[in-house]
Amino acid sequence: MLDHEKMFIPKAIDELTAELKKFLNETRSKLKGAERREFMANVVLLLGRGGQSRAERELGWDRKTIGKGIKELKTGFRCIDNFAGRGRNRAEDHLPTLLEDIKQIVEPVSQSDPTFRTTDLYSPLTAAEVHRRLVEQKNYTVEQLPTPRTISNKLNDLRFHLKKVDKCKPKKNSSDRCNLLVCPLGKRNSGSNRWSDSHFL
């Protein structure tokens, strides 16, 4: 194990050994937000002149994050991280009618679960076909729409599932099949489920 107390001496860092690099990156990975930036800024200052370039080159640290940390350290003001605002916006955020348009295309050709175990709907339309109909019927452009893969995710969110839609066929009781059949060669004996041999001679 690394001796962290002996490893990190807050005076100056002349050489970044392999063990020191491992320690610095392990410590950095345990911190988040402003605390991580403050740690990075302190390390860079200890590296002295050209510390930002060395940290980027030898430790793999981001220069923008280092600069932000140094600024926070000098001013004493910490920036508030907007983690909730990161990432891509959902397709329906900039296409507010998209989900409703998808429902209008898919619902008329969908079928409910014949077992009535779920409220999900089964549709014969693929995501690519829905994508095509959105362009043709709802006047979207290809550039506006998300990919068919994303359309597939939206269909799942709306509880539409791809499946070949077949008409439900009621099961017939095998014991009653003879009552429903008409044999052109003979007649059934009354009171018996056997066919008369004389009708097959």
C-alpha atoms as a PDB file:
ATOM      1  CA  MET A   1       0.000   0.000   0.000  1.00  0.00           C
ATOM      2  CA  LEU A   2       1.053   3.596  -0.629  1.00  0.00           C
ATOM      3  CA  ASP A   3       2.051   5.679   2.365  1.00  0.00           C
ATOM      4  CA  HIS A   4      -0.003   8.792   1.595  1.00  0.00           C
ATOM      5  CA  GLU A   5       1.567  10.860   4.390  1.00  0.00           C
ATOM      6  CA  LYS A   6       5.083  10.312   3.070  1.00  0.00           C
ATOM      7  CA  MET A   7       4.025  10.457  -0.558  1.00  0.00           C
ATOM      8  CA  PHE A   8       2.518  13.950  -0.568  1.00  0.00           C
ATOM      9  CA  ILE A   9       4.688  16.736   0.852  1.00  0.00           C
ATOM     10  CA  PRO A  10       3.028  20.180   0.441  1.00  0.00           C
ATOM     11  CA  LYS A  11       6.180  22.072  -0.499  1.00  0.00           C
ATOM     12  CA  ALA A  12       6.950  21.427  -4.130  1.00  0.00           C
ATOM     13  CA  ILE A  13       6.748  18.554  -6.579  1.00  0.00           C
ATOM     14  CA  ASP A  14       9.848  18.230  -8.687  1.00  0.00           C
ATOM     15  CA  GLU A  15       9.285  14.815 -10.187  1.00  0.00           C
ATOM     16  CA  LEU A  16       6.070  12.932 -10.861  1.00  0.00           C
ATOM     17  CA  THR A  17       7.004   9.343 -10.181  1.00  0.00           C
ATOM     18  CA  ALA A  18       4.718   6.479 -11.160  1.00  0.00           C
ATOM     19  CA  GLU A  19       3.651   5.988  -7.537  1.00  0.00           C
ATOM     20  CA  LEU A  20       2.977   9.705  -7.073  1.00  0.00           C
ATOM     21  CA  LYS A  21       0.918   9.844 -10.265  1.00  0.00           C
ATOM     22  CA  LYS A  22      -1.146   6.892  -9.050  1.00  0.00           C
ATOM     23  CA  PHE A  23      -1.696   8.538  -5.673  1.00  0.00           C
ATOM     24  CA  LEU A  24      -2.714  11.887  -7.178  1.00  0.00           C
ATOM     25  CA  ASN A  25      -5.183  10.340  -9.604  1.00  0.00           C
ATOM     26  CA  GLU A  26      -6.647   8.026  -6.959  1.00  0.00           C
ATOM     27  CA  THR A  27      -7.164  10.981  -4.628  1.00  0.00           C
ATOM     28  CA  ARG A  28      -8.661  13.078  -7.428  1.00  0.00           C
ATOM     29  CA  SER A  29     -11.119  10.302  -8.368  1.00  0.00           C
ATOM     30  CA  LYS A  30     -12.485  10.234  -4.807  1.00  0.00           C
ATOM     31  CA  LEU A  31     -13.395  13.931  -4.925  1.00  0.00           C
ATOM     32  CA  LYS A  32     -16.197  15.666  -6.812  1.00  0.00           C
ATOM     33  CA  GLY A  33     -17.087  19.131  -8.018  1.00  0.00           C
ATOM     34  CA  ALA A  34     -15.380  22.080  -6.354  1.00  0.00           C
ATOM     35  CA  GLU A  35     -13.354  19.866  -4.004  1.00  0.00           C
ATOM     36  CA  ARG A  36     -11.831  18.018  -6.938  1.00  0.00           C
ATOM     37  CA  ARG A  37     -10.993  21.263  -8.736  1.00  0.00           C
ATOM     38  CA  GLU A  38      -9.420  22.702  -5.567  1.00  0.00           C
ATOM     39  CA  PHE A  39      -7.242  19.611  -5.176  1.00  0.00           C
ATOM     40  CA  MET A  40      -6.155  19.783  -8.812  1.00  0.00           C
ATOM     41  CA  ALA A  41      -5.366  23.495  -8.511  1.00  0.00           C
ATOM     42  CA  ASN A  42      -3.222  22.927  -5.412  1.00  0.00           C
ATOM     43  CA  VAL A  43      -1.276  20.153  -7.131  1.00  0.00           C
ATOM     44  CA  VAL A  44      -0.680  22.325 -10.194  1.00  0.00           C
ATOM     45  CA  LEU A  45       0.577  25.204  -8.027  1.00  0.00           C
ATOM     46  CA  LEU A  46       2.955  22.812  -6.290  1.00  0.00           C
ATOM     47  CA  LEU A  47       4.271  21.742  -9.683  1.00  0.00           C
ATOM     48  CA  GLY A  48       5.426  25.303 -10.210  1.00  0.00           C
ATOM     49  CA  ARG A  49       5.902  27.013 -13.535  1.00  0.00           C
ATOM     50  CA  GLY A  50       4.305  25.089 -16.370  1.00  0.00           C
ATOM     51  CA  GLY A  51       2.310  23.076 -13.872  1.00  0.00           C
ATOM     52  CA  GLN A  52      -0.877  23.099 -15.949  1.00  0.00           C
ATOM     53  CA  SER A  53       0.914  21.690 -18.974  1.00  0.00           C
ATOM     54  CA  ARG A  54       2.628  19.014 -16.875  1.00  0.00           C
ATOM     55  CA  ALA A  55      -0.642  18.014 -15.209  1.00  0.00           C
ATOM     56  CA  GLU A  56      -2.328  17.728 -18.591  1.00  0.00           C
ATOM     57  CA  ARG A  57       0.539  15.813 -20.149  1.00  0.00           C
ATOM     58  CA  GLU A  58       1.614  13.549 -17.287  1.00  0.00           C
ATOM     59  CA  LEU A  59      -1.600  13.138 -15.279  1.00  0.00           C
ATOM     60  CA  GLY A  60      -4.179  13.429 -18.046  1.00  0.00           C
ATOM     61  CA  TRP A  61      -6.008  16.295 -16.335  1.00  0.00           C
ATOM     62  CA  ASP A  62      -8.201  18.746 -18.242  1.00  0.00           C
ATOM     63  CA  ARG A  63      -6.741  22.236 -18.636  1.00  0.00           C
ATOM     64  CA  LYS A  64     -10.147  23.943 -18.437  1.00  0.00           C
ATOM     65  CA  THR A  65     -10.956  22.191 -15.164  1.00  0.00           C
ATOM     66  CA  ILE A  66      -7.543  23.134 -13.771  1.00  0.00           C
ATOM     67  CA  GLY A  67      -8.025  26.779 -14.795  1.00  0.00           C
ATOM     68  CA  LYS A  68     -11.460  26.857 -13.192  1.00  0.00           C
ATOM     69  CA  GLY A  69     -10.032  25.404  -9.987  1.00  0.00           C
ATOM     70  CA  ILE A  70      -7.208  27.932  -9.830  1.00  0.00           C
ATOM     71  CA  LYS A  71      -9.658  30.781 -10.327  1.00  0.00           C
ATOM     72  CA  GLU A  72     -11.864  29.445  -7.519  1.00  0.00           C
ATOM     73  CA  LEU A  73      -8.829  29.037  -5.270  1.00  0.00           C
ATOM     74  CA  LYS A  74      -7.632  32.606  -5.851  1.00  0.00           C
ATOM     75  CA  THR A  75     -11.017  34.316  -5.536  1.00  0.00           C
ATOM     76  CA  GLY A  76     -12.431  32.142  -2.779  1.00  0.00           C
ATOM     77  CA  PHE A  77     -15.688  31.727  -4.698  1.00  0.00           C
ATOM     78  CA  ARG A  78     -16.822  28.276  -5.756  1.00  0.00           C
ATOM     79  CA  CYS A  79     -18.830  27.703  -8.921  1.00  0.00           C
ATOM     80  CA  ILE A  80     -22.090  25.773  -8.549  1.00  0.00           C
ATOM     81  CA  ASP A  81     -22.169  22.703 -10.801  1.00  0.00           C
ATOM     82  CA  ASN A  82     -25.346  22.288 -12.850  1.00  0.00           C
ATOM     83  CA  PHE A  83     -25.279  18.499 -13.187  1.00  0.00           C
ATOM     84  CA  ALA A  84     -29.018  18.357 -13.905  1.00  0.00           C
ATOM     85  CA  GLY A  85     -28.563  20.569 -16.965  1.00  0.00           C
ATOM     86  CA  ARG A  86     -25.992  18.303 -18.580  1.00  0.00           C
ATOM     87  CA  GLY A  87     -26.608  15.759 -21.289  1.00  0.00           C
ATOM     88  CA  ARG A  88     -28.847  15.772 -24.342  1.00  0.00           C
ATOM     89  CA  ASN A  89     -32.367  17.087 -24.275  1.00  0.00           C
ATOM     90  CA  ARG A  90     -35.112  14.597 -25.037  1.00  0.00           C
ATOM     91  CA  ALA A  91     -36.492  14.607 -28.569  1.00  0.00           C
ATOM     92  CA  GLU A  92     -39.926  15.682 -27.330  1.00  0.00           C
ATOM     93  CA  ASP A  93     -38.391  18.746 -25.651  1.00  0.00           C
ATOM     94  CA  HIS A  94     -37.772  20.375 -29.033  1.00  0.00           C
ATOM     95  CA  LEU A  95     -40.523  18.440 -30.863  1.00  0.00           C
ATOM     96  CA  PRO A  96     -43.446  18.848 -28.434  1.00  0.00           C
ATOM     97  CA  THR A  97     -46.013  17.018 -30.597  1.00  0.00           C
ATOM     98  CA  LEU A  98     -43.773  14.051 -31.465  1.00  0.00           C
ATOM     99  CA  LEU A  99     -45.222  11.551 -28.991  1.00  0.00           C
ATOM    100  CA  GLU A 100     -48.802  12.413 -29.892  1.00  0.00           C
ATOM    101  CA  ASP A 101     -47.997  12.122 -33.608  1.00  0.00           C
ATOM    102  CA  ILE A 102     -46.441   8.699 -33.023  1.00  0.00           C
ATOM    103  CA  LYS A 103     -49.568   7.560 -31.177  1.00  0.00           C
ATOM    104  CA  GLN A 104     -51.815   8.777 -34.015  1.00  0.00           C
ATOM    105  CA  ILE A 105     -49.795   6.705 -36.493  1.00  0.00           C
ATOM    106  CA  VAL A 106     -49.447   3.527 -34.452  1.00  0.00           C
ATOM    107  CA  GLU A 107     -52.706   3.220 -32.496  1.00  0.00           C
ATOM    108  CA  PRO A 108     -55.049   2.612 -35.482  1.00  0.00           C
ATOM    109  CA  VAL A 109     -53.078  -0.475 -36.548  1.00  0.00           C
ATOM    110  CA  SER A 110     -52.329  -1.812 -33.076  1.00  0.00           C
ATOM    111  CA  GLN A 111     -53.944  -4.669 -31.209  1.00  0.00           C
ATOM    112  CA  SER A 112     -54.361  -5.152 -27.490  1.00  0.00           C
ATOM    113  CA  ASP A 113     -52.961  -8.146 -25.666  1.00  0.00           C
ATOM    114  CA  PRO A 114     -55.389 -11.017 -26.459  1.00  0.00           C
ATOM    115  CA  THR A 115     -54.686 -12.574 -23.058  1.00  0.00           C
ATOM    116  CA  PHE A 116     -55.683  -9.332 -21.301  1.00  0.00           C
ATOM    117  CA  ARG A 117     -52.742  -9.762 -18.959  1.00  0.00           C
ATOM    118  CA  THR A 118     -51.317  -6.335 -19.829  1.00  0.00           C
ATOM    119  CA  THR A 119     -52.533  -3.043 -21.240  1.00  0.00           C
ATOM    120  CA  ASP A 120     -49.700  -3.007 -23.782  1.00  0.00           C
ATOM    121  CA  LEU A 121     -50.464  -2.678 -27.476  1.00  0.00           C
ATOM    122  CA  TYR A 122     -48.874  -4.715 -30.242  1.00  0.00           C
ATOM    123  CA  SER A 123     -48.107  -3.059 -33.557  1.00  0.00           C
ATOM    124  CA  PRO A 124     -46.928  -4.450 -36.904  1.00  0.00           C
ATOM    125  CA  LEU A 125     -45.078  -1.186 -37.651  1.00  0.00           C
ATOM    126  CA  THR A 126     -41.319  -1.081 -37.230  1.00  0.00           C
ATOM    127  CA  ALA A 127     -39.552   1.988 -35.873  1.00  0.00           C
ATOM    128  CA  ALA A 128     -38.180   2.686 -39.360  1.00  0.00           C
ATOM    129  CA  GLU A 129     -41.709   2.597 -40.795  1.00  0.00           C
ATOM    130  CA  VAL A 130     -42.967   4.968 -38.090  1.00  0.00           C
ATOM    131  CA  HIS A 131     -40.043   7.258 -38.897  1.00  0.00           C
ATOM    132  CA  ARG A 132     -41.017   7.217 -42.594  1.00  0.00           C
ATOM    133  CA  ARG A 133     -44.691   7.950 -41.845  1.00  0.00           C
ATOM    134  CA  LEU A 134     -43.779  10.842 -39.570  1.00  0.00           C
ATOM    135  CA  VAL A 135     -42.075  12.427 -42.556  1.00  0.00           C
ATOM    136  CA  GLU A 136     -44.834  11.613 -45.047  1.00  0.00           C
ATOM    137  CA  GLN A 137     -47.924  12.122 -42.891  1.00  0.00           C
ATOM    138  CA  LYS A 138     -46.861  14.597 -40.207  1.00  0.00           C
ATOM    139  CA  ASN A 139     -44.606  16.817 -42.334  1.00  0.00           C
ATOM    140  CA  TYR A 140     -41.435  16.347 -40.311  1.00  0.00           C
ATOM    141  CA  THR A 141     -38.088  16.560 -42.057  1.00  0.00           C
ATOM    142  CA  VAL A 142     -35.500  13.805 -41.747  1.00  0.00           C
ATOM    143  CA  GLU A 143     -33.147  16.323 -40.131  1.00  0.00           C
ATOM    144  CA  GLN A 144     -35.712  17.188 -37.466  1.00  0.00           C
ATOM    145  CA  LEU A 145     -36.490  13.643 -36.409  1.00  0.00           C
ATOM    146  CA  PRO A 146     -34.378  11.475 -34.111  1.00  0.00           C
ATOM    147  CA  THR A 147     -33.001   8.200 -35.436  1.00  0.00           C
ATOM    148  CA  PRO A 148     -35.179   5.086 -35.821  1.00  0.00           C
ATOM    149  CA  ARG A 149     -33.355   3.705 -32.782  1.00  0.00           C
ATOM    150  CA  THR A 150     -34.652   6.626 -30.705  1.00  0.00           C
ATOM    151  CA  ILE A 151     -38.126   6.215 -32.238  1.00  0.00           C
ATOM    152  CA  SER A 152     -37.986   2.580 -31.088  1.00  0.00           C
ATOM    153  CA  ASN A 153     -37.255   3.744 -27.536  1.00  0.00           C
ATOM    154  CA  LYS A 154     -40.194   6.162 -27.700  1.00  0.00           C
ATOM    155  CA  LEU A 155     -42.481   3.341 -28.858  1.00  0.00           C
ATOM    156  CA  ASN A 156     -41.406   1.285 -25.857  1.00  0.00           C
ATOM    157  CA  ASP A 157     -42.010   4.260 -23.560  1.00  0.00           C
ATOM    158  CA  LEU A 158     -45.532   4.523 -24.995  1.00  0.00           C
ATOM    159  CA  ARG A 159     -45.962   0.761 -24.410  1.00  0.00           C
ATOM    160  CA  PHE A 160     -46.178  -0.174 -28.072  1.00  0.00           C
ATOM    161  CA  HIS A 161     -44.431  -3.419 -28.968  1.00  0.00           C
ATOM    162  CA  LEU A 162     -43.524  -4.783 -32.382  1.00  0.00           C
ATOM    163  CA  LYS A 163     -45.427  -7.952 -33.185  1.00  0.00           C
ATOM    164  CA  LYS A 164     -47.205  -9.448 -36.145  1.00  0.00           C
ATOM    165  CA  VAL A 165     -50.883  -8.808 -35.555  1.00  0.00           C
ATOM    166  CA  ASP A 166     -53.052 -11.876 -36.140  1.00  0.00           C
ATOM    167  CA  LYS A 167     -56.740 -12.337 -35.666  1.00  0.00           C
ATOM    168  CA  CYS A 168     -57.603 -14.309 -32.559  1.00  0.00           C
ATOM    169  CA  LYS A 169     -58.810 -17.766 -33.424  1.00  0.00           C
ATOM    170  CA  PRO A 170     -60.968 -19.494 -30.774  1.00  0.00           C
ATOM    171  CA  LYS A 171     -59.722 -22.899 -29.788  1.00  0.00           C
ATOM    172  CA  LYS A 172     -62.050 -25.756 -30.570  1.00  0.00           C
ATOM    173  CA  ASN A 173     -62.650 -28.555 -28.147  1.00  0.00           C
ATOM    174  CA  SER A 174     -61.303 -31.749 -29.683  1.00  0.00           C
ATOM    175  CA  SER A 175     -64.249 -33.742 -28.317  1.00  0.00           C
ATOM    176  CA  ASP A 176     -66.668 -31.581 -30.297  1.00  0.00           C
ATOM    177  CA  ARG A 177     -64.782 -31.633 -33.586  1.00  0.00           C
ATOM    178  CA  CYS A 178     -66.811 -34.595 -34.925  1.00  0.00           C
ATOM    179  CA  ASN A 179     -70.007 -32.689 -34.337  1.00  0.00           C
ATOM    180  CA  LEU A 180     -68.697 -29.849 -36.536  1.00  0.00           C
ATOM    181  CA  LEU A 181     -67.385 -32.041 -39.374  1.00  0.00           C
ATOM    182  CA  VAL A 182     -69.430 -33.314 -42.260  1.00  0.00           C
ATOM    183  CA  CYS A 183     -68.097 -36.517 -43.754  1.00  0.00           C
ATOM    184  CA  PRO A 184     -69.005 -36.980 -47.437  1.00  0.00           C
ATOM    185  CA  LEU A 185     -68.642 -40.766 -47.183  1.00  0.00           C
ATOM    186  CA  GLY A 186     -70.800 -41.749 -44.298  1.00  0.00           C
ATOM    187  CA  LYS A 187     -73.044 -40.822 -41.427  1.00  0.00           C
ATOM    188  CA  ARG A 188     -72.372 -40.948 -37.756  1.00  0.00           C
ATOM    189  CA  ASN A 189     -74.194 -43.664 -35.760  1.00  0.00           C
ATOM    190  CA  SER A 190     -76.623 -42.172 -33.310  1.00  0.00           C
ATOM    191  CA  GLY A 191     -75.486 -42.511 -29.715  1.00  0.00           C
ATOM    192  CA  SER A 192     -71.934 -43.343 -30.810  1.00  0.00           C
ATOM    193  CA  ASN A 193     -68.760 -41.403 -31.659  1.00  0.00           C
ATOM    194  CA  ARG A 194     -67.754 -44.085 -34.208  1.00  0.00           C
ATOM    195  CA  TRP A 195     -68.441 -43.934 -37.904  1.00  0.00           C
ATOM    196  CA  SER A 196     -70.485 -46.880 -39.373  1.00  0.00           C
ATOM    197  CA  ASP A 197     -68.271 -49.328 -41.313  1.00  0.00           C
ATOM    198  CA  SER A 198     -71.020 -49.887 -43.864  1.00  0.00           C
ATOM    199  CA  HIS A 199     -70.707 -46.329 -45.105  1.00  0.00           C
ATOM    200  CA  PHE A 200     -67.052 -46.872 -46.077  1.00  0.00           C
ATOM    201  CA  LEU A 201     -67.712 -50.095 -48.102  1.00  0.00           C
END
